[in-house]
Amino acid sequence: MSATPQPVIPSGGLFAGKSWLSSPEPFPLSPAEIEQIRRLGHRLQLFLSTANAIYFRSLAGKLPGWIAAYADAGKPEELLEAARAKANREALPQVIRPDLILTDEGFSLTEIDSVPGGIGLTAWLNEIYASWDVVGGATGMIEGFQSLFPQGADIVISEESGDYRPEMEWLCGRLKGDFRIESAENYQPGDRDVYRFFELFDLPQIKHWRELAGVRVNPPLKPWLEEKLWLALFWSRPLRELWRRELRENHRDALEKIIPRSWIVDPAPLPHHAVIPKLEISSWTELGDFTQKQRELVLKLSGFSERAWGSRSVVIGHDVSQEQWRKSVNDAMDSFSNHPYVLQEFHKGKLVRHPFYDRQTGEIKQMEGRVRLCPYFFTPSGSREIQLGGILATICPADKKIIHGMEDAIIVPCRIAAGD
């Protein structure tokens, strides 16, 4: 396959003020890897559905109350009351985007994003690299989003999420039906469906958010489903058999292989004979004394904060000093009542080599780096059949510990590597 010429960004841009490195080809994944990702979509849909059911059963007293208490920490009661409305009870995000780190052992799922950026960007990239066998094909992302709202919708974007407005404007130009981009802060809901492109912590800036309860909104206004702490509750010993029963054993076992061991940083005292599983500590203060080798761990906010997305709150234990690590652990404990933190095992990304265009010369060079894969799963309106629209790959230089979009990262779609 011949190299794709260096892409030219649309005149309206895709990400406000952002740039990245282009490549002459998409990132290759084997058919087996793509099939594993494809199956992951259904499993994550089940995961979120189970989390939603667990939450409501906890509220009703049919499961321990501490589950809902964790998920509700720091949320305004007015939002929780609106989110728990009976008409909204079964609603789930129709777009699911996990963050997967490609490792030597397979994939490591670091979080699940139900208000994801990159939809328009991945759709554009799939068009650009359409001569390759890209996952989802040239139009998979566009058709996936279209299926959520066959007749059209208002795409409501906040100032906080404004960097993504250009890519959604580009996407609107490819959709059929009556789609409109609206600013969230002054948006007045009417009789139209709404695609919510704003975080729920931003509601104080959105005048008419309460009126959204009267229209179909996706992702639904369910703050508990946007918490990373569900990845820790998945590993909770008291809930182990519940997850196995609700997900079915094969799905739970598959998720167990890719979800890193995770913990909620809850500073409540433990009984004198108890320890936190796997960490083997009886108090979170002991975590602050871990050696650098022991600190192959990631600390991050669970959600409902402007610092909970875009890697803003992420601290990688073995990449900071002992003093910084101890302070981060103490901050996490202090934050628990309003903004819980999650601790995860750090899974090191696999080293790969991928070509890119040098910005200065236009020459094709090679980068050694690590990869984050972002598959986009869509659940069409009125259906439970989930579709994989495309996979975005972000390849960061090997010396970067956090893999995310940055100026010196390569961003490309993924292709099927069969026949290479």
Protein backbone atom coordinates (compact mmCIF):
# COMPACT_ATOMS: atom_id res chain seq x y z
CA MET A 1 0.00 0.00 0.00
CA SER A 2 1.42 3.41 -0.96
CA ALA A 3 1.94 6.13 1.64
CA THR A 4 -0.93 8.53 2.28
CA PRO A 5 0.16 12.14 1.60
CA GLN A 6 0.45 14.38 4.64
CA PRO A 7 -3.16 15.29 5.56
CA VAL A 8 -4.32 18.90 5.34
CA ILE A 9 -6.50 19.94 8.28
CA PRO A 10 -9.94 21.32 7.23
CA SER A 11 -10.09 25.11 7.09
CA GLY A 12 -12.31 25.24 10.17
CA GLY A 13 -9.85 23.13 12.14
CA LEU A 14 -10.59 20.02 14.19
CA PHE A 15 -9.24 20.79 17.67
CA ALA A 16 -8.97 24.42 18.75
CA GLY A 17 -5.31 25.32 19.25
CA LYS A 18 -4.14 21.69 19.05
CA SER A 19 -1.66 20.06 16.68
CA TRP A 20 -0.14 16.62 16.30
CA LEU A 21 2.12 14.62 14.02
CA SER A 22 0.72 13.04 10.85
CA SER A 23 1.72 9.68 9.42
CA PRO A 24 1.85 8.14 5.96
CA GLU A 25 -0.18 5.17 7.20
CA PRO A 26 -2.69 4.08 9.86
CA PHE A 27 -1.64 2.06 12.88
CA PRO A 28 -1.83 -1.71 12.24
CA LEU A 29 -3.74 -4.12 14.46
CA SER A 30 -4.05 -7.83 13.86
CA PRO A 31 -7.46 -9.35 13.07
CA ALA A 32 -7.36 -11.06 16.48
CA GLU A 33 -6.72 -7.75 18.26
CA ILE A 34 -9.54 -6.06 16.37
CA GLU A 35 -11.90 -8.90 17.17
CA GLN A 36 -11.01 -8.63 20.85
CA ILE A 37 -11.78 -4.90 20.74
CA ARG A 38 -15.01 -5.51 18.86
CA ARG A 39 -16.21 -7.93 21.57
CA LEU A 40 -15.22 -5.40 24.20
CA GLY A 41 -18.00 -3.07 23.07
CA HIS A 42 -20.75 -5.47 24.17
CA ARG A 43 -18.90 -6.21 27.40
CA LEU A 44 -18.59 -2.54 28.29
CA GLN A 45 -22.26 -2.01 27.54
CA LEU A 46 -23.03 -4.84 29.99
CA PHE A 47 -20.57 -3.33 32.46
CA LEU A 48 -22.31 0.06 32.43
CA SER A 49 -25.74 -1.53 32.55
CA THR A 50 -24.67 -3.59 35.57
CA ALA A 51 -23.12 -0.54 37.26
CA ASN A 52 -26.40 1.32 36.75
CA ALA A 53 -28.42 -1.56 38.22
CA ILE A 54 -26.05 -1.92 41.18
CA TYR A 55 -26.38 1.80 41.89
CA PHE A 56 -30.17 1.73 41.99
CA ARG A 57 -30.25 -1.46 44.07
CA SER A 58 -27.87 0.19 46.52
CA LEU A 59 -30.18 3.21 46.78
CA ALA A 60 -33.12 0.89 47.41
CA GLY A 61 -31.33 -0.91 50.23
CA LYS A 62 -31.09 -4.19 48.30
CA LEU A 63 -27.30 -3.83 48.21
CA PRO A 64 -24.98 -2.06 50.68
CA GLY A 65 -25.53 1.69 50.85
CA TRP A 66 -21.81 2.47 50.63
CA ILE A 67 -21.88 1.69 46.89
CA ALA A 68 -24.22 4.57 46.02
CA ALA A 69 -22.52 6.74 48.64
CA TYR A 70 -19.20 6.37 46.80
CA ALA A 71 -20.82 7.19 43.44
CA ASP A 72 -22.77 10.18 44.79
CA ALA A 73 -19.91 11.85 46.68
CA GLY A 74 -19.71 15.57 45.92
CA LYS A 75 -22.76 15.63 43.62
CA PRO A 76 -25.48 18.27 44.15
CA GLU A 77 -28.73 16.72 45.36
CA GLU A 78 -30.71 18.55 42.67
CA LEU A 79 -28.74 16.77 39.94
CA LEU A 80 -29.08 13.40 41.66
CA GLU A 81 -32.84 13.79 41.99
CA ALA A 82 -33.18 14.63 38.28
CA ALA A 83 -30.85 11.79 37.28
CA ARG A 84 -32.79 9.20 39.30
CA ALA A 85 -36.12 10.00 37.61
CA LYS A 86 -38.06 6.85 36.73
CA ALA A 87 -38.21 7.72 33.02
CA ASN A 88 -34.40 7.91 32.99
CA ARG A 89 -33.75 4.75 34.99
CA GLU A 90 -32.60 2.38 32.21
CA ALA A 91 -30.89 4.98 29.99
CA LEU A 92 -27.23 4.30 29.14
CA PRO A 93 -24.64 6.19 27.08
CA GLN A 94 -25.04 5.43 23.38
CA VAL A 95 -21.39 6.29 22.71
CA ILE A 96 -18.77 4.38 24.69
CA ARG A 97 -15.05 5.04 24.29
CA PRO A 98 -12.58 3.13 26.44
CA ASP A 99 -8.93 4.12 26.70
CA LEU A 100 -6.80 1.05 26.00
CA ILE A 101 -3.03 0.89 26.46
CA LEU A 102 -1.38 -1.60 24.12
CA THR A 103 0.95 -3.74 26.28
CA ASP A 104 3.16 -6.75 25.65
CA GLU A 105 0.42 -8.88 27.24
CA GLY A 106 -2.51 -7.36 25.33
CA PHE A 107 -4.69 -4.41 26.35
CA SER A 108 -5.01 -2.47 29.60
CA LEU A 109 -8.25 -0.50 30.06
CA THR A 110 -7.53 2.66 32.04
CA GLU A 111 -10.94 4.34 31.84
CA ILE A 112 -14.31 4.42 30.08
CA ASP A 113 -15.41 7.75 28.60
CA SER A 114 -19.08 8.30 27.77
CA VAL A 115 -18.62 11.99 26.80
CA PRO A 116 -15.65 11.48 24.48
CA GLY A 117 -13.84 13.87 22.23
CA GLY A 118 -12.36 12.65 18.97
CA ILE A 119 -15.53 11.50 17.19
CA GLY A 120 -15.21 14.02 14.37
CA LEU A 121 -11.43 13.69 14.28
CA THR A 122 -11.58 9.91 13.89
CA ALA A 123 -14.30 10.24 11.23
CA TRP A 124 -12.10 12.67 9.29
CA LEU A 125 -9.03 10.46 9.62
CA ASN A 126 -10.95 7.41 8.42
CA GLU A 127 -11.90 9.39 5.31
CA ILE A 128 -8.30 10.52 4.77
CA TYR A 129 -6.92 6.98 5.04
CA ALA A 130 -9.84 5.30 3.26
CA SER A 131 -7.53 3.61 0.72
CA TRP A 132 -6.23 1.49 3.59
CA ASP A 133 -8.35 -1.16 5.30
CA VAL A 134 -9.23 1.12 8.22
CA VAL A 135 -11.39 -0.23 11.02
CA GLY A 136 -14.95 0.95 10.44
CA GLY A 137 -14.26 1.93 6.86
CA ALA A 138 -14.41 5.46 5.48
CA THR A 139 -17.88 6.18 6.92
CA GLY A 140 -18.18 3.96 10.02
CA MET A 141 -17.85 6.83 12.49
CA ILE A 142 -20.33 9.02 10.61
CA GLU A 143 -22.87 6.20 10.26
CA GLY A 144 -22.38 5.29 13.93
CA PHE A 145 -23.18 8.79 15.15
CA GLN A 146 -26.01 9.16 12.63
CA SER A 147 -27.63 5.99 14.03
CA LEU A 148 -28.05 7.64 17.45
CA PHE A 149 -30.35 10.33 16.04
CA PRO A 150 -31.69 9.25 12.62
CA GLN A 151 -33.67 12.48 12.11
CA GLY A 152 -31.19 14.88 13.68
CA ALA A 153 -30.42 16.44 17.06
CA ASP A 154 -28.95 19.45 18.81
CA ILE A 155 -25.29 18.88 19.64
CA VAL A 156 -24.91 20.97 22.78
CA ILE A 157 -21.32 21.96 23.61
CA SER A 158 -20.10 23.87 26.64
CA GLU A 159 -17.26 26.39 26.75
CA GLU A 160 -15.33 23.88 28.90
CA SER A 161 -15.51 21.42 25.98
CA GLY A 162 -15.07 24.14 23.35
CA ASP A 163 -11.81 22.72 21.99
CA TYR A 164 -13.91 19.94 20.43
CA ARG A 165 -16.42 22.23 18.76
CA PRO A 166 -14.55 22.38 15.39
CA GLU A 167 -14.51 18.59 14.98
CA MET A 168 -18.24 18.37 15.77
CA GLU A 169 -18.97 21.15 13.27
CA TRP A 170 -17.04 19.16 10.65
CA LEU A 171 -19.03 16.03 11.59
CA CYS A 172 -22.33 17.91 11.23
CA GLY A 173 -21.41 18.65 7.64
CA ARG A 174 -21.29 14.90 6.94
CA LEU A 175 -24.52 13.92 8.72
CA LYS A 176 -27.96 13.56 7.13
CA GLY A 177 -30.91 15.22 8.80
CA ASP A 178 -31.30 18.30 10.95
CA PHE A 179 -28.22 18.51 13.17
CA ARG A 180 -27.29 21.79 14.85
CA ILE A 181 -24.40 22.88 17.03
CA GLU A 182 -25.58 24.81 20.09
CA SER A 183 -23.77 26.51 22.98
CA ALA A 184 -24.66 24.81 26.26
CA GLU A 185 -24.56 27.85 28.53
CA ASN A 186 -27.69 29.48 27.06
CA TYR A 187 -29.27 26.48 25.35
CA GLN A 188 -33.05 26.36 25.69
CA PRO A 189 -34.33 22.75 25.30
CA GLY A 190 -37.33 22.30 23.04
CA ASP A 191 -38.81 19.23 21.36
CA ARG A 192 -35.54 18.07 19.80
CA ASP A 193 -33.21 15.28 20.88
CA VAL A 194 -29.96 16.40 22.48
CA TYR A 195 -26.44 15.05 22.25
CA ARG A 196 -24.74 16.25 25.43
CA PHE A 197 -21.16 17.38 24.88
CA PHE A 198 -20.55 18.84 28.31
CA GLU A 199 -19.46 17.44 31.64
CA LEU A 200 -21.95 17.32 34.50
CA PHE A 201 -19.66 19.23 36.86
CA ASP A 202 -20.23 22.18 34.49
CA LEU A 203 -23.98 22.39 35.16
CA PRO A 204 -23.79 25.63 37.24
CA GLN A 205 -22.77 27.39 34.02
CA ILE A 206 -25.72 25.96 32.06
CA LYS A 207 -28.86 28.01 32.75
CA HIS A 208 -31.56 25.64 31.54
CA TRP A 209 -30.10 22.22 32.39
CA ARG A 210 -33.13 21.26 34.52
CA GLU A 211 -35.34 21.46 31.43
CA LEU A 212 -33.26 18.75 29.76
CA ALA A 213 -35.22 16.25 31.87
CA GLY A 214 -38.10 16.72 29.44
CA VAL A 215 -36.25 15.71 26.26
CA ARG A 216 -34.19 12.72 25.15
CA VAL A 217 -30.58 13.43 26.14
CA ASN A 218 -27.59 11.24 25.49
CA PRO A 219 -25.35 10.64 27.31
CA PRO A 220 -28.01 10.66 30.06
CA LEU A 221 -27.64 12.98 33.05
CA LYS A 222 -26.27 10.18 35.26
CA PRO A 223 -23.16 11.38 37.11
CA TRP A 224 -22.58 8.00 38.78
CA LEU A 225 -21.93 6.35 35.39
CA GLU A 226 -19.09 8.80 34.67
CA GLU A 227 -17.01 7.79 37.70
CA LYS A 228 -13.77 5.85 37.29
CA LEU A 229 -14.41 4.26 40.66
CA TRP A 230 -16.56 1.59 38.99
CA LEU A 231 -13.29 0.04 37.81
CA ALA A 232 -12.34 -0.27 41.49
CA LEU A 233 -15.77 -1.56 42.50
CA PHE A 234 -15.36 -4.20 39.78
CA TRP A 235 -12.47 -5.57 41.89
CA SER A 236 -14.28 -5.17 45.22
CA ARG A 237 -14.27 -8.50 47.05
CA PRO A 238 -17.82 -8.12 48.48
CA LEU A 239 -19.17 -7.47 44.96
CA ARG A 240 -17.17 -10.16 43.14
CA GLU A 241 -19.94 -12.75 42.86
CA LEU A 242 -22.49 -10.07 42.00
CA TRP A 243 -20.42 -8.94 39.00
CA ARG A 244 -19.89 -12.54 37.95
CA ARG A 245 -23.62 -13.27 38.09
CA GLU A 246 -24.76 -10.08 36.36
CA LEU A 247 -22.12 -10.03 33.61
CA ARG A 248 -21.94 -13.80 33.15
CA GLU A 249 -18.70 -15.48 34.01
CA ASN A 250 -17.11 -15.36 30.54
CA HIS A 251 -17.60 -11.58 30.21
CA ARG A 252 -16.35 -10.93 33.73
CA ASP A 253 -13.27 -13.08 33.16
CA ALA A 254 -12.53 -11.23 29.89
CA LEU A 255 -12.83 -7.84 31.62
CA GLU A 256 -10.69 -9.02 34.52
CA LYS A 257 -7.84 -9.60 32.07
CA ILE A 258 -7.81 -6.00 30.85
CA ILE A 259 -9.03 -3.87 33.79
CA PRO A 260 -6.04 -3.03 36.00
CA ARG A 261 -6.39 -3.83 39.68
CA SER A 262 -7.94 -0.66 41.13
CA TRP A 263 -8.84 0.73 44.55
CA ILE A 264 -10.91 3.65 45.89
CA VAL A 265 -8.76 5.77 48.18
CA ASP A 266 -11.10 5.68 51.18
CA PRO A 267 -9.29 6.84 54.34
CA ALA A 268 -11.78 5.15 56.72
CA PRO A 269 -9.89 3.15 59.40
CA LEU A 270 -9.59 -0.60 58.86
CA PRO A 271 -9.88 -3.18 61.66
CA HIS A 272 -6.49 -3.96 63.22
CA HIS A 273 -6.34 -7.38 61.54
CA ALA A 274 -7.31 -6.19 58.03
CA VAL A 275 -5.24 -5.09 55.01
CA ILE A 276 -6.12 -3.58 51.62
CA PRO A 277 -5.98 -6.49 49.14
CA LYS A 278 -2.83 -6.75 46.98
CA LEU A 279 -1.38 -3.55 48.46
CA GLU A 280 -1.02 -5.33 51.82
CA ILE A 281 -1.31 -2.12 53.85
CA SER A 282 -3.62 -1.42 56.77
CA SER A 283 -3.79 2.35 56.20
CA TRP A 284 -3.55 4.58 53.13
CA THR A 285 -0.85 6.61 54.88
CA GLU A 286 1.45 3.61 54.36
CA LEU A 287 1.02 4.05 50.61
CA GLY A 288 2.91 7.34 50.85
CA ASP A 289 5.99 5.45 52.07
CA PHE A 290 6.16 3.08 49.10
CA THR A 291 9.53 2.83 47.37
CA GLN A 292 9.88 3.82 43.73
CA LYS A 293 9.65 0.17 42.67
CA GLN A 294 6.49 -0.28 44.75
CA ARG A 295 5.03 2.88 43.25
CA GLU A 296 4.21 1.45 39.82
CA LEU A 297 0.77 2.85 40.43
CA VAL A 298 -1.45 5.59 39.01
CA LEU A 299 -3.46 7.99 41.17
CA LYS A 300 -6.32 9.95 39.57
CA LEU A 301 -9.60 11.68 40.37
CA SER A 302 -12.63 9.47 39.89
CA GLY A 303 -14.80 12.13 38.23
CA PHE A 304 -17.12 15.16 38.57
CA SER A 305 -14.30 17.69 38.43
CA GLU A 306 -12.65 19.83 35.77
CA ARG A 307 -9.41 18.07 36.77
CA ALA A 308 -10.83 14.56 36.22
CA TRP A 309 -10.37 14.53 32.44
CA GLY A 310 -7.50 15.11 30.04
CA SER A 311 -4.98 13.52 32.47
CA ARG A 312 -5.02 16.71 34.58
CA SER A 313 -5.15 14.88 37.92
CA VAL A 314 -3.03 11.87 36.97
CA VAL A 315 0.03 11.12 39.12
CA ILE A 316 2.28 8.21 38.12
CA GLY A 317 3.92 6.98 41.30
CA HIS A 318 7.31 5.88 39.98
CA ASP A 319 7.66 9.08 37.94
CA VAL A 320 7.58 11.48 40.91
CA SER A 321 9.72 11.98 43.99
CA GLN A 322 8.90 10.38 47.32
CA GLU A 323 7.84 13.77 48.67
CA GLN A 324 5.53 14.45 45.71
CA TRP A 325 4.02 10.97 45.97
CA ARG A 326 3.35 11.30 49.69
CA LYS A 327 1.69 14.69 49.14
CA SER A 328 -0.46 13.25 46.33
CA VAL A 329 -1.61 10.39 48.56
CA ASN A 330 -2.45 12.81 51.38
CA ASP A 331 -4.33 15.08 48.97
CA ALA A 332 -6.32 12.08 47.73
CA MET A 333 -7.28 11.12 51.29
CA ASP A 334 -8.27 14.70 52.11
CA SER A 335 -10.38 14.89 48.95
CA PHE A 336 -12.34 11.70 49.61
CA SER A 337 -15.64 13.12 50.88
CA ASN A 338 -16.24 15.32 47.81
CA HIS A 339 -13.88 14.10 45.10
CA PRO A 340 -12.78 10.48 45.59
CA TYR A 341 -9.55 9.30 43.99
CA VAL A 342 -8.87 5.96 42.35
CA LEU A 343 -5.57 4.09 42.50
CA GLN A 344 -4.67 1.75 39.63
CA GLU A 345 -1.84 -0.59 38.82
CA PHE A 346 0.42 0.93 36.16
CA HIS A 347 0.62 -1.24 33.05
CA LYS A 348 3.55 -0.24 30.86
CA GLY A 349 2.82 0.28 27.19
CA LYS A 350 4.44 -1.88 24.56
CA LEU A 351 7.18 -0.24 22.48
CA VAL A 352 6.26 0.15 18.81
CA ARG A 353 7.75 1.90 15.80
CA HIS A 354 5.59 3.98 13.48
CA PRO A 355 6.39 6.43 10.64
CA PHE A 356 5.55 10.13 10.80
CA TYR A 357 6.02 13.24 8.70
CA ASP A 358 8.69 15.62 9.98
CA ARG A 359 7.05 19.04 10.39
CA GLN A 360 10.05 20.97 9.11
CA THR A 361 11.17 18.91 6.14
CA GLY A 362 8.17 16.74 5.26
CA GLU A 363 10.45 13.70 5.36
CA ILE A 364 9.13 10.39 6.64
CA LYS A 365 10.85 9.40 9.88
CA GLN A 366 10.30 6.70 12.49
CA MET A 367 9.15 7.15 16.07
CA GLU A 368 9.61 4.65 18.87
CA GLY A 369 6.67 5.08 21.16
CA ARG A 370 3.78 3.68 23.14
CA VAL A 371 0.17 3.55 22.01
CA ARG A 372 -3.23 4.43 23.42
CA LEU A 373 -6.15 3.01 21.44
CA CYS A 374 -9.58 4.63 21.59
CA PRO A 375 -12.33 2.52 19.98
CA TYR A 376 -15.67 4.25 19.44
CA PHE A 377 -18.75 2.11 20.05
CA PHE A 378 -22.23 3.29 19.03
CA THR A 379 -25.60 1.90 20.08
CA PRO A 380 -28.22 2.88 17.48
CA SER A 381 -31.47 4.45 18.67
CA GLY A 382 -33.99 1.75 19.61
CA SER A 383 -31.38 -1.03 19.53
CA ARG A 384 -29.03 -2.85 21.89
CA GLU A 385 -26.69 -3.97 19.09
CA ILE A 386 -23.43 -2.09 19.56
CA GLN A 387 -21.30 -1.08 16.55
CA LEU A 388 -17.58 -0.33 16.30
CA GLY A 389 -17.25 2.84 14.23
CA GLY A 390 -13.45 3.20 14.27
CA ILE A 391 -10.34 3.15 16.43
CA LEU A 392 -8.13 6.17 17.07
CA ALA A 393 -4.45 5.51 17.88
CA THR A 394 -2.29 8.02 19.77
CA ILE A 395 1.41 7.15 19.62
CA CYS A 396 3.53 9.08 22.10
CA PRO A 397 7.35 9.17 22.29
CA ALA A 398 8.72 6.35 24.42
CA ASP A 399 9.97 8.70 27.16
CA LYS A 400 6.45 9.98 27.93
CA LYS A 401 4.78 8.23 30.87
CA ILE A 402 1.26 9.56 30.18
CA ILE A 403 -0.06 8.63 26.74
CA HIS A 404 -2.44 11.30 25.45
CA GLY A 405 -2.86 13.79 22.64
CA MET A 406 0.13 16.15 22.51
CA GLU A 407 2.08 18.14 19.97
CA ASP A 408 4.76 15.47 19.52
CA ALA A 409 2.35 12.52 19.35
CA ILE A 410 1.25 10.76 16.16
CA ILE A 411 -2.53 10.54 15.78
CA VAL A 412 -3.93 8.12 13.19
CA PRO A 413 -6.81 5.69 12.73
CA CYS A 414 -6.24 1.93 12.98
CA ARG A 415 -6.18 -0.52 10.10
CA ILE A 416 -6.44 -4.28 9.75
CA ALA A 417 -2.93 -5.72 9.41
CA ALA A 418 -3.92 -8.90 7.55
CA GLY A 419 -1.67 -9.57 4.56
CA ASP A 420 1.22 -7.37 5.72
